[in-house]
Amino acid sequence: MSRPFLFGAFIFILILTLPARQFIAKTLNMAKLYFHYST
């Protein structure tokens, strides 16, 4: 594997995980709120 390919794959994964990270953060926030109100 060449370096440019790895670099491109890294950027591609980064772009793909950006919305996922926001979704995970929102889900964690909701879980925290739910846990806070349920106890």
PDB file of N, CA and C in Angstrom:
ATOM      1  N   MET A   1       0.841  -1.204   0.000  1.00  0.00           N
ATOM      2  CA  MET A   1       0.000   0.000   0.000  1.00  0.00           C
ATOM      3  C   MET A   1       0.877   1.254   0.000  1.00  0.00           C
ATOM      4  N   SER A   2       0.498   2.199  -0.812  1.00  0.00           N
ATOM      5  CA  SER A   2       1.262   3.440  -0.893  1.00  0.00           C
ATOM      6  C   SER A   2       0.739   4.460   0.123  1.00  0.00           C
ATOM      7  N   ARG A   3       1.565   5.419   0.447  1.00  0.00           N
ATOM      8  CA  ARG A   3       1.191   6.417   1.433  1.00  0.00           C
ATOM      9  C   ARG A   3       0.022   7.301   1.004  1.00  0.00           C
ATOM     10  N   PRO A   4      -0.025   7.785  -0.230  1.00  0.00           N
ATOM     11  CA  PRO A   4      -1.172   8.614  -0.645  1.00  0.00           C
ATOM     12  C   PRO A   4      -2.515   7.899  -0.474  1.00  0.00           C
ATOM     13  N   PHE A   5      -2.512   6.583  -0.714  1.00  0.00           N
ATOM     14  CA  PHE A   5      -3.741   5.810  -0.553  1.00  0.00           C
ATOM     15  C   PHE A   5      -4.171   5.798   0.910  1.00  0.00           C
ATOM     16  N   LEU A   6      -3.225   5.562   1.819  1.00  0.00           N
ATOM     17  CA  LEU A   6      -3.520   5.542   3.250  1.00  0.00           C
ATOM     18  C   LEU A   6      -4.018   6.902   3.717  1.00  0.00           C
ATOM     19  N   PHE A   7      -3.381   7.960   3.232  1.00  0.00           N
ATOM     20  CA  PHE A   7      -3.780   9.328   3.576  1.00  0.00           C
ATOM     21  C   PHE A   7      -5.198   9.620   3.111  1.00  0.00           C
ATOM     22  N   GLY A   8      -5.500   9.199   1.877  1.00  0.00           N
ATOM     23  CA  GLY A   8      -6.839   9.381   1.325  1.00  0.00           C
ATOM     24  C   GLY A   8      -7.888   8.600   2.103  1.00  0.00           C
ATOM     25  N   ALA A   9      -7.538   7.368   2.463  1.00  0.00           N
ATOM     26  CA  ALA A   9      -8.450   6.522   3.244  1.00  0.00           C
ATOM     27  C   ALA A   9      -8.698   7.135   4.612  1.00  0.00           C
ATOM     28  N   PHE A  10      -7.659   7.696   5.217  1.00  0.00           N
ATOM     29  CA  PHE A  10      -7.787   8.346   6.525  1.00  0.00           C
ATOM     30  C   PHE A  10      -8.749   9.522   6.466  1.00  0.00           C
ATOM     31  N   ILE A  11      -8.593  10.368   5.446  1.00  0.00           N
ATOM     32  CA  ILE A  11      -9.488  11.525   5.253  1.00  0.00           C
ATOM     33  C   ILE A  11     -10.921  11.061   4.990  1.00  0.00           C
ATOM     34  N   PHE A  12     -11.057  10.006   4.189  1.00  0.00           N
ATOM     35  CA  PHE A  12     -12.378   9.458   3.872  1.00  0.00           C
ATOM     36  C   PHE A  12     -13.084   8.969   5.138  1.00  0.00           C
ATOM     37  N   ILE A  13     -12.356   8.240   5.982  1.00  0.00           N
ATOM     38  CA  ILE A  13     -12.906   7.738   7.252  1.00  0.00           C
ATOM     39  C   ILE A  13     -13.266   8.909   8.165  1.00  0.00           C
ATOM     40  N   LEU A  14     -12.414   9.923   8.197  1.00  0.00           N
ATOM     41  CA  LEU A  14     -12.665  11.107   9.029  1.00  0.00           C
ATOM     42  C   LEU A  14     -13.967  11.783   8.623  1.00  0.00           C
ATOM     43  N   ILE A  15     -14.166  11.966   7.311  1.00  0.00           N
ATOM     44  CA  ILE A  15     -15.384  12.595   6.778  1.00  0.00           C
ATOM     45  C   ILE A  15     -16.614  11.732   7.097  1.00  0.00           C
ATOM     46  N   LEU A  16     -16.462  10.414   6.984  1.00  0.00           N
ATOM     47  CA  LEU A  16     -17.573   9.506   7.276  1.00  0.00           C
ATOM     48  C   LEU A  16     -17.952   9.517   8.752  1.00  0.00           C
ATOM     49  N   THR A  17     -16.950   9.625   9.627  1.00  0.00           N
ATOM     50  CA  THR A  17     -17.212   9.547  11.072  1.00  0.00           C
ATOM     51  C   THR A  17     -17.685  10.868  11.678  1.00  0.00           C
ATOM     52  N   LEU A  18     -17.562  11.969  10.940  1.00  0.00           N
ATOM     53  CA  LEU A  18     -18.018  13.254  11.482  1.00  0.00           C
ATOM     54  C   LEU A  18     -19.504  13.251  11.851  1.00  0.00           C
ATOM     55  N   PRO A  19     -20.438  12.889  10.939  1.00  0.00           N
ATOM     56  CA  PRO A  19     -21.851  12.838  11.320  1.00  0.00           C
ATOM     57  C   PRO A  19     -22.126  11.789  12.391  1.00  0.00           C
ATOM     58  N   ALA A  20     -21.394  10.682  12.322  1.00  0.00           N
ATOM     59  CA  ALA A  20     -21.563   9.614  13.310  1.00  0.00           C
ATOM     60  C   ALA A  20     -21.207  10.127  14.703  1.00  0.00           C
ATOM     61  N   ARG A  21     -20.142  10.923  14.796  1.00  0.00           N
ATOM     62  CA  ARG A  21     -19.732  11.466  16.090  1.00  0.00           C
ATOM     63  C   ARG A  21     -20.798  12.382  16.661  1.00  0.00           C
ATOM     64  N   GLN A  22     -21.393  13.221  15.810  1.00  0.00           N
ATOM     65  CA  GLN A  22     -22.465  14.115  16.249  1.00  0.00           C
ATOM     66  C   GLN A  22     -23.664  13.295  16.726  1.00  0.00           C
ATOM     67  N   PHE A  23     -23.983  12.227  15.999  1.00  0.00           N
ATOM     68  CA  PHE A  23     -25.097  11.346  16.354  1.00  0.00           C
ATOM     69  C   PHE A  23     -24.841  10.654  17.684  1.00  0.00           C
ATOM     70  N   ILE A  24     -23.610  10.164  17.877  1.00  0.00           N
ATOM     71  CA  ILE A  24     -23.230   9.507  19.133  1.00  0.00           C
ATOM     72  C   ILE A  24     -23.318  10.496  20.297  1.00  0.00           C
ATOM     73  N   ALA A  25     -22.845  11.722  20.075  1.00  0.00           N
ATOM     74  CA  ALA A  25     -22.900  12.750  21.113  1.00  0.00           C
ATOM     75  C   ALA A  25     -24.349  13.050  21.506  1.00  0.00           C
ATOM     76  N   LYS A  26     -25.229  13.169  20.514  1.00  0.00           N
ATOM     77  CA  LYS A  26     -26.651  13.419  20.770  1.00  0.00           C
ATOM     78  C   LYS A  26     -27.275  12.255  21.533  1.00  0.00           C
ATOM     79  N   THR A  27     -26.957  11.032  21.114  1.00  0.00           N
ATOM     80  CA  THR A  27     -27.491   9.841  21.760  1.00  0.00           C
ATOM     81  C   THR A  27     -27.031   9.762  23.213  1.00  0.00           C
ATOM     82  N   LEU A  28     -25.750  10.059  23.445  1.00  0.00           N
ATOM     83  CA  LEU A  28     -25.210  10.044  24.808  1.00  0.00           C
ATOM     84  C   LEU A  28     -25.889  11.105  25.664  1.00  0.00           C
ATOM     85  N   ASN A  29     -26.114  12.291  25.088  1.00  0.00           N
ATOM     86  CA  ASN A  29     -26.803  13.366  25.798  1.00  0.00           C
ATOM     87  C   ASN A  29     -28.212  12.944  26.199  1.00  0.00           C
ATOM     88  N   MET A  30     -28.935  12.335  25.263  1.00  0.00           N
ATOM     89  CA  MET A  30     -30.294  11.880  25.525  1.00  0.00           C
ATOM     90  C   MET A  30     -30.298  10.778  26.584  1.00  0.00           C
ATOM     91  N   ALA A  31     -29.334   9.887  26.503  1.00  0.00           N
ATOM     92  CA  ALA A  31     -29.216   8.806  27.484  1.00  0.00           C
ATOM     93  C   ALA A  31     -28.948   9.377  28.878  1.00  0.00           C
ATOM     94  N   LYS A  32     -28.098  10.394  28.941  1.00  0.00           N
ATOM     95  CA  LYS A  32     -27.800  11.041  30.221  1.00  0.00           C
ATOM     96  C   LYS A  32     -29.051  11.683  30.807  1.00  0.00           C
ATOM     97  N   LEU A  33     -29.796  12.407  29.956  1.00  0.00           N
ATOM     98  CA  LEU A  33     -31.027  13.058  30.389  1.00  0.00           C
ATOM     99  C   LEU A  33     -32.051  12.028  30.854  1.00  0.00           C
ATOM    100  N   TYR A  34     -32.208  10.967  30.079  1.00  0.00           N
ATOM    101  CA  TYR A  34     -33.159   9.905  30.418  1.00  0.00           C
ATOM    102  C   TYR A  34     -32.792   9.268  31.760  1.00  0.00           C
ATOM    103  N   PHE A  35     -31.514   8.968  31.927  1.00  0.00           N
ATOM    104  CA  PHE A  35     -31.036   8.361  33.172  1.00  0.00           C
ATOM    105  C   PHE A  35     -31.249   9.320  34.341  1.00  0.00           C
ATOM    106  N   HIS A  36     -31.005  10.607  34.113  1.00  0.00           N
ATOM    107  CA  HIS A  36     -31.150  11.630  35.153  1.00  0.00           C
ATOM    108  C   HIS A  36     -32.602  11.750  35.611  1.00  0.00           C
ATOM    109  N   TYR A  37     -33.530  11.718  34.668  1.00  0.00           N
ATOM    110  CA  TYR A  37     -34.947  11.881  35.005  1.00  0.00           C
ATOM    111  C   TYR A  37     -35.601  10.591  35.488  1.00  0.00           C
ATOM    112  N   SER A  38     -35.051   9.447  35.101  1.00  0.00           N
ATOM    113  CA  SER A  38     -35.673   8.177  35.477  1.00  0.00           C
ATOM    114  C   SER A  38     -35.333   7.772  36.910  1.00  0.00           C
ATOM    115  N   THR A  39     -34.246   8.341  37.477  1.00  0.00           N
ATOM    116  CA  THR A  39     -33.848   7.977  38.841  1.00  0.00           C
ATOM    117  C   THR A  39     -34.378   8.984  39.848  1.00  0.00           C
TER     118      THR A  39
END
